[in-house]
Each structure stands twice: as C-alpha cells, then as structure tokens.
Amino acid sequence: MGTIIPHRGLVVSCQALEDEPLHGSHHMAAMARAAKMGGAVAIRANGEDDISAIKKAVNLPIIGIKKKDYANYDIYITPTVADAVTVHEAGADIVAIDGTKRARPDKQTLAETIAELHRHEVTVMTDVSTFEEGVHAATCGADYVATTLSGYTPYSPQQQEPDLALVSKLAEELAVPVVAEGRIRSPQQAVAALDAGAHFVVVGGAITRPQEITARYADAIRGINVPG
C-alpha cells in the first residue's frame, strides 16, 4: 500500500497506561506536539481516544494500536480484526497488530487478519518477535514488519539491548520495510538500528516516559554510591 513514513525517520511512541502520571489524551496530544517539534516524522499511539486527539494536534502519520487483554490469550497488541478497524476509524494511518505465531481471540489466522484489513483499506504493520515470524508476516501480506515483540515472547531472545541482529536479518530477507522498535534507549542505538537496515525506528519510553527516564538516572546514582 506504499510507504507512508520517510526512510530513516524517527517515530515517537506516545503512550501512557492508566497507572501512569501522564495517562490521558490531553497529555498524549501535548507529547505528540513536543515530539514533532523535536523532529519526529510520525507518532505511535494506543487507543481510539489518544489517536483521535493526536490526529487533531499534529499533522503527522499515526501508527495506531489498541492494547487489550482477552482472557486465555497472550496477545495484547490489537488482537482482533475488530480492534484494528476501530483503530483505523479513529484516524490511524497505519495499524500495528500482533504478528506472532500465537492464537488470536477472533480465531483468525494472521493471513486472514491482514487480508480482511486490506479489504478495509488498512495499512498493516505486524509486530513480531522472531525472524520466522517476520518472514511469515511478510508472506501473509504485511505492509511493514516491526521487531517490537523481540524479548516479549518466551521463545524470543531475552536481552536488555535492541535486537539489531533481528533487524539486520529481516532487512536482508524481506522486500517490505522493516521497522526497529523495542528497547532503543539512546540516539546511538537508533542510528545503529537504521544502519542495520531498518526503514525507520520507533522510540517510546526513552523519550516519553519520564518515570522510566528518571529511574535510569536514579539507579545509576545509587550504583555509584554503593560501597564496593
């Protein structure tokens, strides 16, 4: 369906869950405006309310998701076709969905999900956790393949750093754009992900979650002061 987000661009994920101080569409719209001022080329956002508010606040493409728990299912990012359609209708230019091998609550396969979303003229990003899932997602028709879930499934590599090896391997294999997302905490890591072959990078907590940023400083200071 064509590339919406510029090559080597920075996408900022503006999200805050209910238990976080910045939860609320007003805060996320302001965060999106700040991200645009800083040079972001697109925004990733969660839920219809935030997507709609951000759409009104900035004229940037939005990657929309809907985080939703379904009993007895592990997937959490836009789990069903219906969830994805509501995200699209809220104003998302791209809808990101779980692209792993795990079962979906609406019983659709990944291929069926993508095909149905394409019938709704939805551009689809699949969040995957392994190389095999990325290849499968591309085969199923995904418009973008993102490394978002590497380290967040029990069978994917568990590491503290971005999975640049996965980015590189997918970029070499796939014809569709590969997106680097997950644990990118510094400008240097973002550049490394682009150099590994990512079409663009998505950065979230390192920019938009002040409690996480503060904790990294506080933990480092505590570490310096630990007797040893």
C-alpha atoms as a PDB file:
ATOM      1  CA  MET A   1       0.000   0.000   0.000  1.00  0.00           C
ATOM      2  CA  GLY A   2       3.010   2.266  -0.285  1.00  0.00           C
ATOM      3  CA  THR A   3       5.413   3.681   2.246  1.00  0.00           C
ATOM      4  CA  ILE A   4       3.862   6.345   4.469  1.00  0.00           C
ATOM      5  CA  ILE A   5       6.780   7.102   6.793  1.00  0.00           C
ATOM      6  CA  PRO A   6      10.073   8.501   5.457  1.00  0.00           C
ATOM      7  CA  HIS A   7      13.189   6.377   5.235  1.00  0.00           C
ATOM      8  CA  ARG A   8      15.496   6.687   8.269  1.00  0.00           C
ATOM      9  CA  GLY A   9      12.858   8.640  10.173  1.00  0.00           C
ATOM     10  CA  LEU A  10      12.201   8.754  13.910  1.00  0.00           C
ATOM     11  CA  VAL A  11       8.760   7.696  15.130  1.00  0.00           C
ATOM     12  CA  VAL A  12       7.946   8.569  18.726  1.00  0.00           C
ATOM     13  CA  SER A  13       5.613   6.300  20.672  1.00  0.00           C
ATOM     14  CA  CYS A  14       3.342   8.486  22.812  1.00  0.00           C
ATOM     15  CA  GLN A  15       1.655   6.140  25.253  1.00  0.00           C
ATOM     16  CA  ALA A  16       0.746   6.161  28.918  1.00  0.00           C
ATOM     17  CA  LEU A  17      -1.219   3.430  30.646  1.00  0.00           C
ATOM     18  CA  GLU A  18      -3.889   4.049  33.258  1.00  0.00           C
ATOM     19  CA  ASP A  19      -1.491   3.767  36.200  1.00  0.00           C
ATOM     20  CA  GLU A  20       0.986   6.278  34.750  1.00  0.00           C
ATOM     21  CA  PRO A  21       1.050  10.006  35.616  1.00  0.00           C
ATOM     22  CA  LEU A  22       0.693  11.176  32.014  1.00  0.00           C
ATOM     23  CA  HIS A  23      -2.287   8.970  31.190  1.00  0.00           C
ATOM     24  CA  GLY A  24      -4.916  10.877  29.219  1.00  0.00           C
ATOM     25  CA  SER A  25      -5.463  12.086  25.669  1.00  0.00           C
ATOM     26  CA  HIS A  26      -4.667  15.703  26.528  1.00  0.00           C
ATOM     27  CA  HIS A  27      -1.216  14.717  27.784  1.00  0.00           C
ATOM     28  CA  MET A  28      -0.532  12.458  24.814  1.00  0.00           C
ATOM     29  CA  ALA A  29      -1.546  15.146  22.322  1.00  0.00           C
ATOM     30  CA  ALA A  30       0.874  17.538  24.021  1.00  0.00           C
ATOM     31  CA  MET A  31       3.579  14.867  23.947  1.00  0.00           C
ATOM     32  CA  ALA A  32       2.979  14.384  20.224  1.00  0.00           C
ATOM     33  CA  ARG A  33       3.331  18.108  19.615  1.00  0.00           C
ATOM     34  CA  ALA A  34       6.618  18.098  21.522  1.00  0.00           C
ATOM     35  CA  ALA A  35       7.820  15.084  19.514  1.00  0.00           C
ATOM     36  CA  LYS A  36       7.010  16.857  16.265  1.00  0.00           C
ATOM     37  CA  MET A  37       8.887  19.955  17.404  1.00  0.00           C
ATOM     38  CA  GLY A  38      11.888  17.728  18.108  1.00  0.00           C
ATOM     39  CA  GLY A  39      11.877  16.199  14.645  1.00  0.00           C
ATOM     40  CA  ALA A  40       9.645  13.107  14.827  1.00  0.00           C
ATOM     41  CA  VAL A  41       8.204  12.124  11.449  1.00  0.00           C
ATOM     42  CA  ALA A  42       5.329  10.062  12.857  1.00  0.00           C
ATOM     43  CA  ILE A  43       3.665   9.046  16.123  1.00  0.00           C
ATOM     44  CA  ARG A  44       2.703   5.653  17.545  1.00  0.00           C
ATOM     45  CA  ALA A  45      -0.337   5.813  19.824  1.00  0.00           C
ATOM     46  CA  ASN A  46      -2.607   3.496  21.778  1.00  0.00           C
ATOM     47  CA  GLY A  47      -6.386   3.564  21.793  1.00  0.00           C
ATOM     48  CA  GLU A  48      -9.055   5.452  19.928  1.00  0.00           C
ATOM     49  CA  ASP A  49      -9.157   8.457  22.258  1.00  0.00           C
ATOM     50  CA  ASP A  50      -5.421   9.135  22.115  1.00  0.00           C
ATOM     51  CA  ILE A  51      -5.260   8.528  18.364  1.00  0.00           C
ATOM     52  CA  SER A  52      -8.118  10.943  17.714  1.00  0.00           C
ATOM     53  CA  ALA A  53      -6.628  13.631  19.964  1.00  0.00           C
ATOM     54  CA  ILE A  54      -3.169  13.299  18.429  1.00  0.00           C
ATOM     55  CA  LYS A  55      -4.636  13.391  14.922  1.00  0.00           C
ATOM     56  CA  LYS A  56      -6.137  16.781  15.744  1.00  0.00           C
ATOM     57  CA  ALA A  57      -2.939  18.043  17.380  1.00  0.00           C
ATOM     58  CA  VAL A  58      -0.297  17.201  14.753  1.00  0.00           C
ATOM     59  CA  ASN A  59      -0.255  16.638  11.015  1.00  0.00           C
ATOM     60  CA  LEU A  60       1.961  13.574  11.203  1.00  0.00           C
ATOM     61  CA  PRO A  61       1.212   9.960  10.246  1.00  0.00           C
ATOM     62  CA  ILE A  62      -0.017   7.859  13.156  1.00  0.00           C
ATOM     63  CA  ILE A  63       0.729   4.211  13.814  1.00  0.00           C
ATOM     64  CA  GLY A  64      -2.251   3.133  15.883  1.00  0.00           C
ATOM     65  CA  ILE A  65      -2.617   0.193  18.220  1.00  0.00           C
ATOM     66  CA  LYS A  66      -5.151  -0.989  20.752  1.00  0.00           C
ATOM     67  CA  LYS A  67      -3.743  -2.715  23.804  1.00  0.00           C
ATOM     68  CA  LYS A  68      -6.413  -5.096  25.031  1.00  0.00           C
ATOM     69  CA  ASP A  69      -6.429  -8.161  27.263  1.00  0.00           C
ATOM     70  CA  TYR A  70      -8.528 -11.159  26.265  1.00  0.00           C
ATOM     71  CA  ALA A  71      -8.946 -13.976  28.763  1.00  0.00           C
ATOM     72  CA  ASN A  72      -6.893 -17.058  27.902  1.00  0.00           C
ATOM     73  CA  TYR A  73      -4.960 -15.300  25.110  1.00  0.00           C
ATOM     74  CA  ASP A  74      -1.411 -13.997  25.301  1.00  0.00           C
ATOM     75  CA  ILE A  75      -1.536 -11.444  22.522  1.00  0.00           C
ATOM     76  CA  TYR A  76      -2.123  -7.873  23.614  1.00  0.00           C
ATOM     77  CA  ILE A  77      -1.426  -5.501  20.714  1.00  0.00           C
ATOM     78  CA  THR A  78      -4.533  -5.032  18.556  1.00  0.00           C
ATOM     79  CA  PRO A  79      -5.578  -8.663  18.962  1.00  0.00           C
ATOM     80  CA  THR A  80      -8.587  -8.846  16.608  1.00  0.00           C
ATOM     81  CA  VAL A  81      -9.759  -7.555  13.255  1.00  0.00           C
ATOM     82  CA  ALA A  82     -12.489  -5.574  15.016  1.00  0.00           C
ATOM     83  CA  ASP A  83      -9.912  -3.905  17.282  1.00  0.00           C
ATOM     84  CA  ALA A  84      -7.806  -2.963  14.260  1.00  0.00           C
ATOM     85  CA  VAL A  85     -10.776  -1.491  12.407  1.00  0.00           C
ATOM     86  CA  THR A  86     -11.664   0.744  15.370  1.00  0.00           C
ATOM     87  CA  VAL A  87      -8.070   1.986  15.470  1.00  0.00           C
ATOM     88  CA  HIS A  88      -8.195   2.760  11.756  1.00  0.00           C
ATOM     89  CA  GLU A  89     -11.518   4.547  12.085  1.00  0.00           C
ATOM     90  CA  ALA A  90     -10.092   6.665  14.919  1.00  0.00           C
ATOM     91  CA  GLY A  91      -7.586   8.111  12.456  1.00  0.00           C
ATOM     92  CA  ALA A  92      -4.565   5.810  12.373  1.00  0.00           C
ATOM     93  CA  ASP A  93      -2.725   5.847   9.053  1.00  0.00           C
ATOM     94  CA  ILE A  94      -1.080   2.505   9.872  1.00  0.00           C
ATOM     95  CA  VAL A  95      -2.473  -0.096  12.246  1.00  0.00           C
ATOM     96  CA  ALA A  96       0.032  -2.241  14.140  1.00  0.00           C
ATOM     97  CA  ILE A  97      -1.110  -5.710  15.127  1.00  0.00           C
ATOM     98  CA  ASP A  98       0.411  -8.667  16.905  1.00  0.00           C
ATOM     99  CA  GLY A  99       2.241 -10.625  14.222  1.00  0.00           C
ATOM    100  CA  THR A 100       3.430 -13.532  16.347  1.00  0.00           C
ATOM    101  CA  LYS A 101       2.526 -17.174  15.938  1.00  0.00           C
ATOM    102  CA  ARG A 102       0.173 -17.078  18.927  1.00  0.00           C
ATOM    103  CA  ALA A 103      -3.581 -17.714  18.723  1.00  0.00           C
ATOM    104  CA  ARG A 104      -5.900 -14.768  18.118  1.00  0.00           C
ATOM    105  CA  PRO A 105      -9.126 -14.227  20.075  1.00  0.00           C
ATOM    106  CA  ASP A 106     -11.264 -13.984  16.932  1.00  0.00           C
ATOM    107  CA  LYS A 107      -9.818 -17.288  15.654  1.00  0.00           C
ATOM    108  CA  GLN A 108      -8.458 -15.651  12.502  1.00  0.00           C
ATOM    109  CA  THR A 109      -5.060 -16.574  11.140  1.00  0.00           C
ATOM    110  CA  LEU A 110      -2.559 -13.792  10.571  1.00  0.00           C
ATOM    111  CA  ALA A 111      -3.061 -14.118   6.804  1.00  0.00           C
ATOM    112  CA  GLU A 112      -6.833 -13.869   7.198  1.00  0.00           C
ATOM    113  CA  THR A 113      -6.464 -10.871   9.510  1.00  0.00           C
ATOM    114  CA  ILE A 114      -4.227  -8.954   7.113  1.00  0.00           C
ATOM    115  CA  ALA A 115      -6.411  -9.794   4.114  1.00  0.00           C
ATOM    116  CA  GLU A 116      -9.523  -8.565   5.925  1.00  0.00           C
ATOM    117  CA  LEU A 117      -7.791  -5.356   6.985  1.00  0.00           C
ATOM    118  CA  HIS A 118      -6.614  -4.737   3.433  1.00  0.00           C
ATOM    119  CA  ARG A 119     -10.228  -5.072   2.329  1.00  0.00           C
ATOM    120  CA  HIS A 120     -10.920  -2.209   4.755  1.00  0.00           C
ATOM    121  CA  GLU A 121      -8.023  -0.301   3.105  1.00  0.00           C
ATOM    122  CA  VAL A 122      -5.942  -0.517   6.272  1.00  0.00           C
ATOM    123  CA  THR A 123      -2.151  -0.365   6.037  1.00  0.00           C
ATOM    124  CA  VAL A 124      -0.846  -3.079   8.364  1.00  0.00           C
ATOM    125  CA  MET A 125       2.284  -3.263  10.483  1.00  0.00           C
ATOM    126  CA  THR A 126       2.987  -6.588  12.164  1.00  0.00           C
ATOM    127  CA  ASP A 127       4.833  -6.613  15.493  1.00  0.00           C
ATOM    128  CA  VAL A 128       6.905  -9.798  15.573  1.00  0.00           C
ATOM    129  CA  SER A 129       9.378 -11.417  17.954  1.00  0.00           C
ATOM    130  CA  THR A 130      11.472 -13.724  15.740  1.00  0.00           C
ATOM    131  CA  PHE A 131      12.892 -13.972  12.246  1.00  0.00           C
ATOM    132  CA  GLU A 132      10.493 -16.772  11.334  1.00  0.00           C
ATOM    133  CA  GLU A 133       7.514 -14.679  12.426  1.00  0.00           C
ATOM    134  CA  GLY A 134       8.767 -11.740  10.380  1.00  0.00           C
ATOM    135  CA  VAL A 135       9.119 -13.829   7.237  1.00  0.00           C
ATOM    136  CA  HIS A 136       5.683 -15.341   7.800  1.00  0.00           C
ATOM    137  CA  ALA A 137       4.124 -11.904   8.326  1.00  0.00           C
ATOM    138  CA  ALA A 138       5.601 -10.627   5.078  1.00  0.00           C
ATOM    139  CA  THR A 139       4.337 -13.730   3.287  1.00  0.00           C
ATOM    140  CA  CYS A 140       0.893 -13.016   4.719  1.00  0.00           C
ATOM    141  CA  GLY A 141       0.920  -9.554   3.154  1.00  0.00           C
ATOM    142  CA  ALA A 142       2.086  -7.252   5.944  1.00  0.00           C
ATOM    143  CA  ASP A 143       2.969  -3.772   4.722  1.00  0.00           C
ATOM    144  CA  TYR A 144       5.599  -3.292   7.456  1.00  0.00           C
ATOM    145  CA  VAL A 145       7.326  -5.786   9.754  1.00  0.00           C
ATOM    146  CA  ALA A 146       8.466  -4.478  13.150  1.00  0.00           C
ATOM    147  CA  THR A 147      10.747  -6.083  15.730  1.00  0.00           C
ATOM    148  CA  THR A 148       8.609  -4.721  18.591  1.00  0.00           C
ATOM    149  CA  LEU A 149       7.997  -8.011  20.374  1.00  0.00           C
ATOM    150  CA  SER A 150      11.508  -9.475  20.380  1.00  0.00           C
ATOM    151  CA  GLY A 151      12.147 -10.260  24.023  1.00  0.00           C
ATOM    152  CA  TYR A 152       8.476 -10.073  24.920  1.00  0.00           C
ATOM    153  CA  THR A 153       7.573 -13.624  23.983  1.00  0.00           C
ATOM    154  CA  PRO A 154       9.059 -16.514  25.977  1.00  0.00           C
ATOM    155  CA  TYR A 155      10.608 -18.066  22.876  1.00  0.00           C
ATOM    156  CA  SER A 156      12.384 -14.938  21.562  1.00  0.00           C
ATOM    157  CA  PRO A 157      15.839 -13.739  22.697  1.00  0.00           C
ATOM    158  CA  GLN A 158      15.731 -12.249  26.187  1.00  0.00           C
ATOM    159  CA  GLN A 159      18.101  -9.285  26.216  1.00  0.00           C
ATOM    160  CA  GLN A 160      18.366  -5.737  27.503  1.00  0.00           C
ATOM    161  CA  GLU A 161      19.546  -4.213  24.229  1.00  0.00           C
ATOM    162  CA  PRO A 162      17.660  -3.705  20.956  1.00  0.00           C
ATOM    163  CA  ASP A 163      17.581  -6.820  18.797  1.00  0.00           C
ATOM    164  CA  LEU A 164      19.734  -5.404  15.999  1.00  0.00           C
ATOM    165  CA  ALA A 165      20.572  -8.886  14.756  1.00  0.00           C
ATOM    166  CA  LEU A 166      16.879  -9.463  14.059  1.00  0.00           C
ATOM    167  CA  VAL A 167      16.598  -6.092  12.324  1.00  0.00           C
ATOM    168  CA  SER A 168      19.556  -6.905  10.097  1.00  0.00           C
ATOM    169  CA  LYS A 169      18.421 -10.424   9.236  1.00  0.00           C
ATOM    170  CA  LEU A 170      14.887  -9.332   8.379  1.00  0.00           C
ATOM    171  CA  ALA A 171      16.094  -6.363   6.331  1.00  0.00           C
ATOM    172  CA  GLU A 172      18.284  -8.699   4.258  1.00  0.00           C
ATOM    173  CA  GLU A 173      15.440 -11.146   3.683  1.00  0.00           C
ATOM    174  CA  LEU A 174      12.295  -9.072   3.223  1.00  0.00           C
ATOM    175  CA  ALA A 175      11.104  -6.823   0.428  1.00  0.00           C
ATOM    176  CA  VAL A 176       8.737  -4.923   2.750  1.00  0.00           C
ATOM    177  CA  PRO A 177      10.092  -2.206   5.089  1.00  0.00           C
ATOM    178  CA  VAL A 178      11.486  -3.431   8.395  1.00  0.00           C
ATOM    179  CA  VAL A 179      10.887  -1.297  11.482  1.00  0.00           C
ATOM    180  CA  ALA A 180      13.170  -1.293  14.526  1.00  0.00           C
ATOM    181  CA  GLU A 181      11.310  -0.999  17.812  1.00  0.00           C
ATOM    182  CA  GLY A 182      11.960  -2.187  21.330  1.00  0.00           C
ATOM    183  CA  ARG A 183      14.496  -1.150  23.988  1.00  0.00           C
ATOM    184  CA  ILE A 184      16.025   1.636  21.872  1.00  0.00           C
ATOM    185  CA  ARG A 185      17.247   3.921  24.643  1.00  0.00           C
ATOM    186  CA  SER A 186      19.807   6.206  23.010  1.00  0.00           C
ATOM    187  CA  PRO A 187      20.358   8.132  19.778  1.00  0.00           C
ATOM    188  CA  GLN A 188      23.330   5.888  19.091  1.00  0.00           C
ATOM    189  CA  GLN A 189      21.166   2.771  19.271  1.00  0.00           C
ATOM    190  CA  ALA A 190      18.612   4.370  16.949  1.00  0.00           C
ATOM    191  CA  VAL A 191      21.309   5.115  14.376  1.00  0.00           C
ATOM    192  CA  ALA A 192      22.677   1.584  14.751  1.00  0.00           C
ATOM    193  CA  ALA A 193      19.206   0.182  14.040  1.00  0.00           C
ATOM    194  CA  LEU A 194      18.930   2.279  10.876  1.00  0.00           C
ATOM    195  CA  ASP A 195      22.404   1.210   9.826  1.00  0.00           C
ATOM    196  CA  ALA A 196      21.325  -2.397  10.380  1.00  0.00           C
ATOM    197  CA  GLY A 197      18.666  -1.934   7.720  1.00  0.00           C
ATOM    198  CA  ALA A 198      15.598  -0.540   9.466  1.00  0.00           C
ATOM    199  CA  HIS A 199      13.416   1.678   7.309  1.00  0.00           C
ATOM    200  CA  PHE A 200      12.627   3.768  10.393  1.00  0.00           C
ATOM    201  CA  VAL A 201      12.874   3.468  14.168  1.00  0.00           C
ATOM    202  CA  VAL A 202      10.236   3.726  16.884  1.00  0.00           C
ATOM    203  CA  VAL A 203      11.325   5.046  20.277  1.00  0.00           C
ATOM    204  CA  GLY A 204       8.977   5.163  23.235  1.00  0.00           C
ATOM    205  CA  GLY A 205       9.924   5.096  26.890  1.00  0.00           C
ATOM    206  CA  ALA A 206      13.343   6.682  26.395  1.00  0.00           C
ATOM    207  CA  ILE A 207      11.559   9.820  25.180  1.00  0.00           C
ATOM    208  CA  THR A 208       8.013   9.814  26.525  1.00  0.00           C
ATOM    209  CA  ARG A 209       8.009   8.088  29.913  1.00  0.00           C
ATOM    210  CA  PRO A 210       9.616  10.453  32.436  1.00  0.00           C
ATOM    211  CA  GLN A 211       9.311   7.948  35.256  1.00  0.00           C
ATOM    212  CA  GLU A 212      11.480   5.490  33.316  1.00  0.00           C
ATOM    213  CA  ILE A 213      13.993   8.162  32.370  1.00  0.00           C
ATOM    214  CA  THR A 214      14.215   9.334  35.990  1.00  0.00           C
ATOM    215  CA  ALA A 215      14.657   5.762  37.209  1.00  0.00           C
ATOM    216  CA  ARG A 216      17.680   5.225  34.947  1.00  0.00           C
ATOM    217  CA  TYR A 217      19.383   8.279  36.423  1.00  0.00           C
ATOM    218  CA  ALA A 218      18.408   7.331  39.979  1.00  0.00           C
ATOM    219  CA  ASP A 219      19.581   3.735  39.540  1.00  0.00           C
ATOM    220  CA  ALA A 220      22.914   4.902  38.135  1.00  0.00           C
ATOM    221  CA  ILE A 221      23.452   7.288  41.029  1.00  0.00           C
ATOM    222  CA  ARG A 222      22.585   4.615  43.567  1.00  0.00           C
ATOM    223  CA  GLY A 223      25.040   2.325  41.831  1.00  0.00           C
ATOM    224  CA  ILE A 224      27.804   4.903  42.130  1.00  0.00           C
ATOM    225  CA  ASN A 225      27.139   5.257  45.844  1.00  0.00           C
ATOM    226  CA  VAL A 226      27.010   1.533  46.593  1.00  0.00           C
ATOM    227  CA  PRO A 227      30.068   0.587  48.697  1.00  0.00           C
ATOM    228  CA  GLY A 228      32.311  -1.784  46.864  1.00  0.00           C
END
